[in-house]
Amino acid sequence: MRGADLFDATVLDPAGRRVGVVLDLRAVPDSERRTLVVEGLVLGRRHVRLFGYERREEVGPALFTRFAAWLHRDTRYAPLAKVDVSTPGTVRLRVPWDDLEGLGPPPEPDGPDEPDG
């Protein structure tokens, strides 16, 4: 299966209930660095575009970062081992939604240095 086939796929929980959609995927180079191999999926309750500010390492304007964090408060990351992608157009979770890792809070903005007391 190609990574592009996973985008917008319906996500089902272990009981078969619809719980979201695939928003993005995370991939790493294979051992020969010729192709990318999917290592996990970014899943959302709603079909909302990712802007990049939801990434933990991405630092941007505080307003955008906070808005992205609020918008993606229910977005989850699922390693490939925790999903079944054998049915085209559908991703079935092997674990409950709440057991998946969230994308986490946005990074704290750097403030002025506090004087040593």
Protein backbone atom coordinates (compact mmCIF):
# COMPACT_ATOMS: atom_id res chain seq x y z
CA MET A 1 0.00 0.00 0.00
CA ARG A 2 1.24 3.47 -0.84
CA GLY A 3 1.26 6.20 1.80
CA ALA A 4 -0.99 8.36 -0.36
CA ASP A 5 -3.68 5.66 -0.11
CA LEU A 6 -3.89 6.28 3.65
CA PHE A 7 -4.78 9.99 3.54
CA ASP A 8 -8.41 10.69 4.44
CA ALA A 9 -9.02 7.03 5.30
CA THR A 10 -11.79 6.41 7.84
CA VAL A 11 -10.47 5.35 11.25
CA LEU A 12 -12.41 2.70 13.19
CA ASP A 13 -11.89 1.75 16.83
CA PRO A 14 -11.41 -1.92 17.82
CA ALA A 15 -15.22 -2.31 18.08
CA GLY A 16 -15.71 -1.02 14.52
CA ARG A 17 -17.09 2.45 15.40
CA ARG A 18 -15.94 5.41 13.30
CA VAL A 19 -13.66 7.58 15.44
CA GLY A 20 -11.83 9.79 12.95
CA VAL A 21 -9.79 10.17 9.79
CA VAL A 22 -6.13 9.96 8.77
CA LEU A 23 -4.73 13.50 8.60
CA ASP A 24 -1.06 12.79 7.92
CA LEU A 25 1.59 10.13 8.11
CA ARG A 26 5.09 9.94 9.48
CA ALA A 27 7.73 8.24 7.38
CA VAL A 28 11.43 7.43 7.66
CA PRO A 29 13.96 6.46 4.97
CA ASP A 30 14.50 2.73 4.45
CA SER A 31 17.90 1.22 5.22
CA GLU A 32 19.17 1.99 1.71
CA ARG A 33 17.70 5.52 1.80
CA ARG A 34 15.88 4.94 -1.49
CA THR A 35 12.29 5.10 -0.33
CA LEU A 36 10.30 6.28 2.65
CA VAL A 37 8.59 3.76 4.90
CA VAL A 38 5.49 4.73 6.89
CA GLU A 39 6.13 4.39 10.63
CA GLY A 40 2.89 5.89 11.94
CA LEU A 41 -0.26 7.86 11.26
CA VAL A 42 -1.60 11.17 12.54
CA LEU A 43 -5.31 10.73 13.25
CA GLY A 44 -7.97 13.33 13.94
CA ARG A 45 -11.55 13.30 15.15
CA ARG A 46 -12.38 15.92 12.51
CA HIS A 47 -10.97 16.47 9.07
CA VAL A 48 -8.88 19.56 9.85
CA ARG A 49 -5.79 20.65 7.99
CA LEU A 50 -2.42 20.42 9.74
CA PHE A 51 -0.40 23.64 9.67
CA GLY A 52 2.90 22.46 11.16
CA TYR A 53 2.46 24.37 14.43
CA GLU A 54 1.01 21.26 16.07
CA ARG A 55 4.44 19.62 15.92
CA ARG A 56 6.25 19.67 19.24
CA GLU A 57 9.51 20.87 17.72
CA GLU A 58 7.91 23.62 15.65
CA VAL A 59 8.02 27.06 17.22
CA GLY A 60 6.05 29.87 15.66
CA PRO A 61 4.04 32.90 16.64
CA ALA A 62 2.41 32.18 20.00
CA LEU A 63 -1.09 32.91 18.71
CA PHE A 64 -0.82 30.41 15.84
CA THR A 65 0.85 27.83 18.07
CA ARG A 66 -1.92 28.06 20.68
CA PHE A 67 -4.65 28.00 18.03
CA ALA A 68 -3.14 24.89 16.41
CA ALA A 69 -2.90 23.20 19.83
CA TRP A 70 -6.57 23.93 20.52
CA LEU A 71 -7.63 22.85 17.03
CA HIS A 72 -5.73 19.55 17.35
CA ARG A 73 -6.47 18.81 21.00
CA ASP A 74 -7.99 15.46 19.97
CA THR A 75 -5.40 14.61 17.32
CA ARG A 76 -3.48 11.40 18.01
CA TYR A 77 -0.35 9.63 16.75
CA ALA A 78 -0.63 5.91 16.03
CA PRO A 79 2.50 3.87 15.35
CA LEU A 80 1.92 1.44 12.51
CA ALA A 81 1.98 -1.48 14.98
CA LYS A 82 -1.21 -0.12 16.60
CA VAL A 83 -3.28 -0.03 13.41
CA ASP A 84 -4.51 -2.41 10.73
CA VAL A 85 -4.35 -0.92 7.22
CA SER A 86 -5.25 -4.08 5.30
CA THR A 87 -8.64 -2.75 4.12
CA PRO A 88 -8.36 0.04 1.50
CA GLY A 89 -9.85 3.32 2.68
CA THR A 90 -10.11 2.14 6.29
CA VAL A 91 -7.72 2.11 9.22
CA ARG A 92 -8.74 -0.04 12.19
CA LEU A 93 -7.18 0.71 15.55
CA ARG A 94 -5.79 -2.21 17.53
CA VAL A 95 -6.03 -0.16 20.73
CA PRO A 96 -8.66 2.27 22.07
CA TRP A 97 -8.42 5.89 20.83
CA ASP A 98 -7.60 7.15 24.33
CA ASP A 99 -4.57 4.83 24.51
CA LEU A 100 -2.92 6.64 21.59
CA GLU A 101 -0.41 9.42 22.22
CA GLY A 102 -1.66 12.96 21.68
CA LEU A 103 0.41 15.47 19.80
CA GLY A 104 1.06 17.27 23.07
CA PRO A 105 0.97 20.85 24.21
CA PRO A 106 2.66 23.57 22.21
CA PRO A 107 6.14 24.63 23.28
CA GLU A 108 6.27 27.43 25.81
CA PRO A 109 7.39 30.74 24.30
CA ASP A 110 10.75 32.02 25.48
CA GLY A 111 10.20 34.83 27.93
CA PRO A 112 12.60 37.33 29.41
CA ASP A 113 15.25 35.86 31.64
CA GLU A 114 14.45 35.99 35.33
CA PRO A 115 17.13 37.60 37.47
CA ASP A 116 18.82 35.22 39.88
CA GLY A 117 17.52 35.85 43.34
